[in-house]
Amino acid sequence: MSENLLDGLFREMNRCRELIAEYGQIGPAGAFARAAIQNDITNAEKAIAGGDVVEMIAAFKELQGCR
């Protein structure tokens, strides 16, 4: 079964939320990474809320790059 864009976005958003928690465990050194990842998640949420498919695709690609 193939995954649609929304499913992929939600999967990546959840994966990135887990990364935020991991960066939180390393303390202040992880603050920049946490903020950057949260910004990517916020952008994805805005794209979903606005129904903007082009922005959803861009957000999906950004979230995939979160490490």
PDB file of N, CA and C in Angstrom:
ATOM      1  N   MET A   1       0.846  -1.180   0.000  1.00  0.00           N
ATOM      2  CA  MET A   1       0.000   0.000   0.000  1.00  0.00           C
ATOM      3  C   MET A   1       0.888   1.239   0.000  1.00  0.00           C
ATOM      4  N   SER A   2       0.598   2.182  -0.854  1.00  0.00           N
ATOM      5  CA  SER A   2       1.407   3.395  -0.921  1.00  0.00           C
ATOM      6  C   SER A   2       0.883   4.439   0.061  1.00  0.00           C
ATOM      7  N   GLU A   3       1.776   5.318   0.403  1.00  0.00           N
ATOM      8  CA  GLU A   3       1.476   6.356   1.381  1.00  0.00           C
ATOM      9  C   GLU A   3       1.132   7.649   0.646  1.00  0.00           C
ATOM     10  N   ASN A   4       0.104   8.358   1.105  1.00  0.00           N
ATOM     11  CA  ASN A   4      -0.212   9.640   0.481  1.00  0.00           C
ATOM     12  C   ASN A   4       0.577  10.755   1.177  1.00  0.00           C
ATOM     13  N   LEU A   5       0.483  11.952   0.633  1.00  0.00           N
ATOM     14  CA  LEU A   5       1.267  13.080   1.135  1.00  0.00           C
ATOM     15  C   LEU A   5       0.964  13.382   2.599  1.00  0.00           C
ATOM     16  N   LEU A   6      -0.300  13.416   2.965  1.00  0.00           N
ATOM     17  CA  LEU A   6      -0.641  13.719   4.364  1.00  0.00           C
ATOM     18  C   LEU A   6      -0.108  12.662   5.310  1.00  0.00           C
ATOM     19  N   ASP A   7      -0.247  11.396   4.944  1.00  0.00           N
ATOM     20  CA  ASP A   7       0.293  10.324   5.790  1.00  0.00           C
ATOM     21  C   ASP A   7       1.797  10.491   5.967  1.00  0.00           C
ATOM     22  N   GLY A   8       2.477  10.784   4.862  1.00  0.00           N
ATOM     23  CA  GLY A   8       3.924  10.987   4.931  1.00  0.00           C
ATOM     24  C   GLY A   8       4.297  12.173   5.790  1.00  0.00           C
ATOM     25  N   LEU A   9       3.552  13.249   5.663  1.00  0.00           N
ATOM     26  CA  LEU A   9       3.821  14.429   6.492  1.00  0.00           C
ATOM     27  C   LEU A   9       3.646  14.116   7.971  1.00  0.00           C
ATOM     28  N   PHE A  10       2.558  13.461   8.309  1.00  0.00           N
ATOM     29  CA  PHE A  10       2.327  13.134   9.720  1.00  0.00           C
ATOM     30  C   PHE A  10       3.396  12.180  10.251  1.00  0.00           C
ATOM     31  N   ARG A  11       3.821  11.227   9.426  1.00  0.00           N
ATOM     32  CA  ARG A  11       4.879  10.298   9.840  1.00  0.00           C
ATOM     33  C   ARG A  11       6.170  11.068  10.101  1.00  0.00           C
ATOM     34  N   GLU A  12       6.529  11.956   9.182  1.00  0.00           N
ATOM     35  CA  GLU A  12       7.760  12.731   9.351  1.00  0.00           C
ATOM     36  C   GLU A  12       7.659  13.710  10.520  1.00  0.00           C
ATOM     37  N   MET A  13       6.501  14.306  10.715  1.00  0.00           N
ATOM     38  CA  MET A  13       6.323  15.217  11.847  1.00  0.00           C
ATOM     39  C   MET A  13       6.520  14.463  13.162  1.00  0.00           C
ATOM     40  N   ASN A  14       5.966  13.272  13.251  1.00  0.00           N
ATOM     41  CA  ASN A  14       6.134  12.480  14.474  1.00  0.00           C
ATOM     42  C   ASN A  14       7.587  12.064  14.676  1.00  0.00           C
ATOM     43  N   ARG A  15       8.252  11.681  13.590  1.00  0.00           N
ATOM     44  CA  ARG A  15       9.669  11.309  13.694  1.00  0.00           C
ATOM     45  C   ARG A  15      10.484  12.502  14.179  1.00  0.00           C
ATOM     46  N   CYS A  16      10.187  13.678  13.653  1.00  0.00           N
ATOM     47  CA  CYS A  16      10.925  14.875  14.045  1.00  0.00           C
ATOM     48  C   CYS A  16      10.622  15.288  15.484  1.00  0.00           C
ATOM     49  N   ARG A  17       9.412  15.043  15.930  1.00  0.00           N
ATOM     50  CA  ARG A  17       9.088  15.320  17.345  1.00  0.00           C
ATOM     51  C   ARG A  17       9.931  14.440  18.261  1.00  0.00           C
ATOM     52  N   GLU A  18      10.181  13.209  17.835  1.00  0.00           N
ATOM     53  CA  GLU A  18      11.061  12.330  18.614  1.00  0.00           C
ATOM     54  C   GLU A  18      12.484  12.874  18.634  1.00  0.00           C
ATOM     55  N   LEU A  19      12.926  13.431  17.520  1.00  0.00           N
ATOM     56  CA  LEU A  19      14.257  14.042  17.471  1.00  0.00           C
ATOM     57  C   LEU A  19      14.351  15.223  18.417  1.00  0.00           C
ATOM     58  N   ILE A  20      13.290  16.028  18.479  1.00  0.00           N
ATOM     59  CA  ILE A  20      13.280  17.172  19.401  1.00  0.00           C
ATOM     60  C   ILE A  20      13.498  16.684  20.825  1.00  0.00           C
ATOM     61  N   ALA A  21      12.835  15.604  21.187  1.00  0.00           N
ATOM     62  CA  ALA A  21      12.996  15.050  22.535  1.00  0.00           C
ATOM     63  C   ALA A  21      14.436  14.583  22.761  1.00  0.00           C
ATOM     64  N   GLU A  22      15.026  13.961  21.751  1.00  0.00           N
ATOM     65  CA  GLU A  22      16.411  13.507  21.884  1.00  0.00           C
ATOM     66  C   GLU A  22      17.375  14.677  22.037  1.00  0.00           C
ATOM     67  N   TYR A  23      17.173  15.733  21.239  1.00  0.00           N
ATOM     68  CA  TYR A  23      18.023  16.911  21.364  1.00  0.00           C
ATOM     69  C   TYR A  23      17.808  17.583  22.716  1.00  0.00           C
ATOM     70  N   GLY A  24      16.616  17.482  23.265  1.00  0.00           N
ATOM     71  CA  GLY A  24      16.344  18.047  24.581  1.00  0.00           C
ATOM     72  C   GLY A  24      17.142  17.369  25.674  1.00  0.00           C
ATOM     73  N   GLN A  25      17.454  16.102  25.480  1.00  0.00           N
ATOM     74  CA  GLN A  25      18.207  15.348  26.487  1.00  0.00           C
ATOM     75  C   GLN A  25      19.666  15.781  26.571  1.00  0.00           C
ATOM     76  N   ILE A  26      20.171  16.419  25.526  1.00  0.00           N
ATOM     77  CA  ILE A  26      21.581  16.838  25.587  1.00  0.00           C
ATOM     78  C   ILE A  26      21.744  18.250  26.130  1.00  0.00           C
ATOM     79  N   GLY A  27      20.633  18.864  26.495  1.00  0.00           N
ATOM     80  CA  GLY A  27      20.687  20.163  27.163  1.00  0.00           C
ATOM     81  C   GLY A  27      20.806  21.332  26.209  1.00  0.00           C
ATOM     82  N   PRO A  28      21.432  22.416  26.686  1.00  0.00           N
ATOM     83  CA  PRO A  28      21.505  23.651  25.901  1.00  0.00           C
ATOM     84  C   PRO A  28      22.183  23.465  24.536  1.00  0.00           C
ATOM     85  N   ALA A  29      23.060  22.501  24.418  1.00  0.00           N
ATOM     86  CA  ALA A  29      23.756  22.283  23.148  1.00  0.00           C
ATOM     87  C   ALA A  29      22.784  21.876  22.036  1.00  0.00           C
ATOM     88  N   GLY A  30      21.640  21.341  22.408  1.00  0.00           N
ATOM     89  CA  GLY A  30      20.665  20.918  21.414  1.00  0.00           C
ATOM     90  C   GLY A  30      19.586  21.949  21.120  1.00  0.00           C
ATOM     91  N   ALA A  31      19.689  23.112  21.716  1.00  0.00           N
ATOM     92  CA  ALA A  31      18.635  24.124  21.593  1.00  0.00           C
ATOM     93  C   ALA A  31      18.428  24.594  20.156  1.00  0.00           C
ATOM     94  N   PHE A  32      19.506  24.824  19.430  1.00  0.00           N
ATOM     95  CA  PHE A  32      19.366  25.300  18.055  1.00  0.00           C
ATOM     96  C   PHE A  32      18.683  24.248  17.188  1.00  0.00           C
ATOM     97  N   ALA A  33      19.119  22.998  17.324  1.00  0.00           N
ATOM     98  CA  ALA A  33      18.513  21.915  16.538  1.00  0.00           C
ATOM     99  C   ALA A  33      17.038  21.765  16.873  1.00  0.00           C
ATOM    100  N   ARG A  34      16.698  21.840  18.153  1.00  0.00           N
ATOM    101  CA  ARG A  34      15.293  21.741  18.562  1.00  0.00           C
ATOM    102  C   ARG A  34      14.470  22.850  17.926  1.00  0.00           C
ATOM    103  N   ALA A  35      14.978  24.063  17.955  1.00  0.00           N
ATOM    104  CA  ALA A  35      14.253  25.205  17.396  1.00  0.00           C
ATOM    105  C   ALA A  35      14.090  25.069  15.881  1.00  0.00           C
ATOM    106  N   ALA A  36      15.134  24.619  15.202  1.00  0.00           N
ATOM    107  CA  ALA A  36      15.068  24.463  13.750  1.00  0.00           C
ATOM    108  C   ALA A  36      14.065  23.387  13.356  1.00  0.00           C
ATOM    109  N   ILE A  37      14.076  22.281  14.073  1.00  0.00           N
ATOM    110  CA  ILE A  37      13.149  21.193  13.774  1.00  0.00           C
ATOM    111  C   ILE A  37      11.722  21.613  14.094  1.00  0.00           C
ATOM    112  N   GLN A  38      11.532  22.304  15.203  1.00  0.00           N
ATOM    113  CA  GLN A  38      10.193  22.780  15.549  1.00  0.00           C
ATOM    114  C   GLN A  38       9.672  23.735  14.491  1.00  0.00           C
ATOM    115  N   ASN A  39      10.545  24.565  13.948  1.00  0.00           N
ATOM    116  CA  ASN A  39      10.150  25.479  12.879  1.00  0.00           C
ATOM    117  C   ASN A  39       9.677  24.697  11.653  1.00  0.00           C
ATOM    118  N   ASP A  40      10.375  23.623  11.317  1.00  0.00           N
ATOM    119  CA  ASP A  40       9.966  22.791  10.177  1.00  0.00           C
ATOM    120  C   ASP A  40       8.600  22.150  10.435  1.00  0.00           C
ATOM    121  N   ILE A  41       8.375  21.698  11.650  1.00  0.00           N
ATOM    122  CA  ILE A  41       7.081  21.098  11.997  1.00  0.00           C
ATOM    123  C   ILE A  41       5.971  22.146  11.915  1.00  0.00           C
ATOM    124  N   THR A  42       6.239  23.338  12.430  1.00  0.00           N
ATOM    125  CA  THR A  42       5.253  24.418  12.380  1.00  0.00           C
ATOM    126  C   THR A  42       4.901  24.770  10.938  1.00  0.00           C
ATOM    127  N   ASN A  43       5.899  24.828  10.070  1.00  0.00           N
ATOM    128  CA  ASN A  43       5.648  25.114   8.658  1.00  0.00           C
ATOM    129  C   ASN A  43       4.780  24.022   8.030  1.00  0.00           C
ATOM    130  N   ALA A  44       5.021  22.779   8.391  1.00  0.00           N
ATOM    131  CA  ALA A  44       4.208  21.674   7.875  1.00  0.00           C
ATOM    132  C   ALA A  44       2.773  21.807   8.365  1.00  0.00           C
ATOM    133  N   GLU A  45       2.599  22.133   9.629  1.00  0.00           N
ATOM    134  CA  GLU A  45       1.250  22.299  10.178  1.00  0.00           C
ATOM    135  C   GLU A  45       0.499  23.427   9.476  1.00  0.00           C
ATOM    136  N   LYS A  46       1.195  24.519   9.196  1.00  0.00           N
ATOM    137  CA  LYS A  46       0.569  25.645   8.491  1.00  0.00           C
ATOM    138  C   LYS A  46       0.182  25.251   7.071  1.00  0.00           C
ATOM    139  N   ALA A  47       1.038  24.501   6.399  1.00  0.00           N
ATOM    140  CA  ALA A  47       0.738  24.059   5.034  1.00  0.00           C
ATOM    141  C   ALA A  47      -0.474  23.141   5.020  1.00  0.00           C
ATOM    142  N   ILE A  48      -0.567  22.257   5.990  1.00  0.00           N
ATOM    143  CA  ILE A  48      -1.719  21.355   6.091  1.00  0.00           C
ATOM    144  C   ILE A  48      -2.988  22.153   6.359  1.00  0.00           C
ATOM    145  N   ALA A  49      -2.903  23.065   7.336  1.00  0.00           N
ATOM    146  CA  ALA A  49      -4.072  23.869   7.694  1.00  0.00           C
ATOM    147  C   ALA A  49      -4.559  24.707   6.520  1.00  0.00           C
ATOM    148  N   GLY A  50      -3.627  25.196   5.707  1.00  0.00           N
ATOM    149  CA  GLY A  50      -3.991  26.023   4.570  1.00  0.00           C
ATOM    150  C   GLY A  50      -4.341  25.227   3.326  1.00  0.00           C
ATOM    151  N   GLY A  51      -4.109  23.918   3.365  1.00  0.00           N
ATOM    152  CA  GLY A  51      -4.403  23.076   2.224  1.00  0.00           C
ATOM    153  C   GLY A  51      -3.501  23.348   1.026  1.00  0.00           C
ATOM    154  N   ASP A  52      -2.326  23.903   1.276  1.00  0.00           N
ATOM    155  CA  ASP A  52      -1.392  24.267   0.212  1.00  0.00           C
ATOM    156  C   ASP A  52      -0.503  23.070  -0.124  1.00  0.00           C
ATOM    157  N   VAL A  53      -0.824  22.383  -1.214  1.00  0.00           N
ATOM    158  CA  VAL A  53      -0.113  21.159  -1.586  1.00  0.00           C
ATOM    159  C   VAL A  53       1.358  21.441  -1.902  1.00  0.00           C
ATOM    160  N   VAL A  54       1.637  22.544  -2.569  1.00  0.00           N
ATOM    161  CA  VAL A  54       3.027  22.879  -2.899  1.00  0.00           C
ATOM    162  C   VAL A  54       3.837  23.077  -1.618  1.00  0.00           C
ATOM    163  N   GLU A  55       3.277  23.785  -0.658  1.00  0.00           N
ATOM    164  CA  GLU A  55       3.958  23.990   0.624  1.00  0.00           C
ATOM    165  C   GLU A  55       4.063  22.685   1.415  1.00  0.00           C
ATOM    166  N   MET A  56       3.058  21.812   1.291  1.00  0.00           N
ATOM    167  CA  MET A  56       3.126  20.512   1.967  1.00  0.00           C
ATOM    168  C   MET A  56       4.288  19.689   1.424  1.00  0.00           C
ATOM    169  N   ILE A  57       4.466  19.710   0.117  1.00  0.00           N
ATOM    170  CA  ILE A  57       5.582  18.969  -0.487  1.00  0.00           C
ATOM    171  C   ILE A  57       6.910  19.537  -0.009  1.00  0.00           C
ATOM    172  N   ALA A  58       7.020  20.860   0.009  1.00  0.00           N
ATOM    173  CA  ALA A  58       8.245  21.500   0.493  1.00  0.00           C
ATOM    174  C   ALA A  58       8.501  21.154   1.953  1.00  0.00           C
ATOM    175  N   ALA A  59       7.455  21.182   2.768  1.00  0.00           N
ATOM    176  CA  ALA A  59       7.586  20.854   4.192  1.00  0.00           C
ATOM    177  C   ALA A  59       7.994  19.398   4.371  1.00  0.00           C
ATOM    178  N   PHE A  60       7.426  18.514   3.565  1.00  0.00           N
ATOM    179  CA  PHE A  60       7.768  17.094   3.633  1.00  0.00           C
ATOM    180  C   PHE A  60       9.260  16.907   3.372  1.00  0.00           C
ATOM    181  N   LYS A  61       9.775  17.559   2.349  1.00  0.00           N
ATOM    182  CA  LYS A  61      11.199  17.452   2.021  1.00  0.00           C
ATOM    183  C   LYS A  61      12.079  17.999   3.135  1.00  0.00           C
ATOM    184  N   GLU A  62      11.653  19.117   3.739  1.00  0.00           N
ATOM    185  CA  GLU A  62      12.416  19.681   4.855  1.00  0.00           C
ATOM    186  C   GLU A  62      12.442  18.729   6.049  1.00  0.00           C
ATOM    187  N   LEU A  63      11.289  18.151   6.346  1.00  0.00           N
ATOM    188  CA  LEU A  63      11.210  17.229   7.477  1.00  0.00           C
ATOM    189  C   LEU A  63      12.057  15.978   7.237  1.00  0.00           C
ATOM    190  N   GLN A  64      12.098  15.529   6.009  1.00  0.00           N
ATOM    191  CA  GLN A  64      12.929  14.356   5.704  1.00  0.00           C
ATOM    192  C   GLN A  64      14.398  14.627   5.968  1.00  0.00           C
ATOM    193  N   GLY A  65      14.813  15.896   5.870  1.00  0.00           N
ATOM    194  CA  GLY A  65      16.201  16.255   6.088  1.00  0.00           C
ATOM    195  C   GLY A  65      16.570  16.429   7.552  1.00  0.00           C
ATOM    196  N   CYS A  66      15.607  16.364   8.444  1.00  0.00           N
ATOM    197  CA  CYS A  66      15.888  16.528   9.871  1.00  0.00           C
ATOM    198  C   CYS A  66      16.655  15.319  10.388  1.00  0.00           C
ATOM    199  N   ARG A  67      17.754  15.601  11.032  1.00  0.00           N
ATOM    200  CA  ARG A  67      18.597  14.535  11.600  1.00  0.00           C
ATOM    201  C   ARG A  67      18.997  14.872  13.009  1.00  0.00           C
TER     202      ARG A  67
END
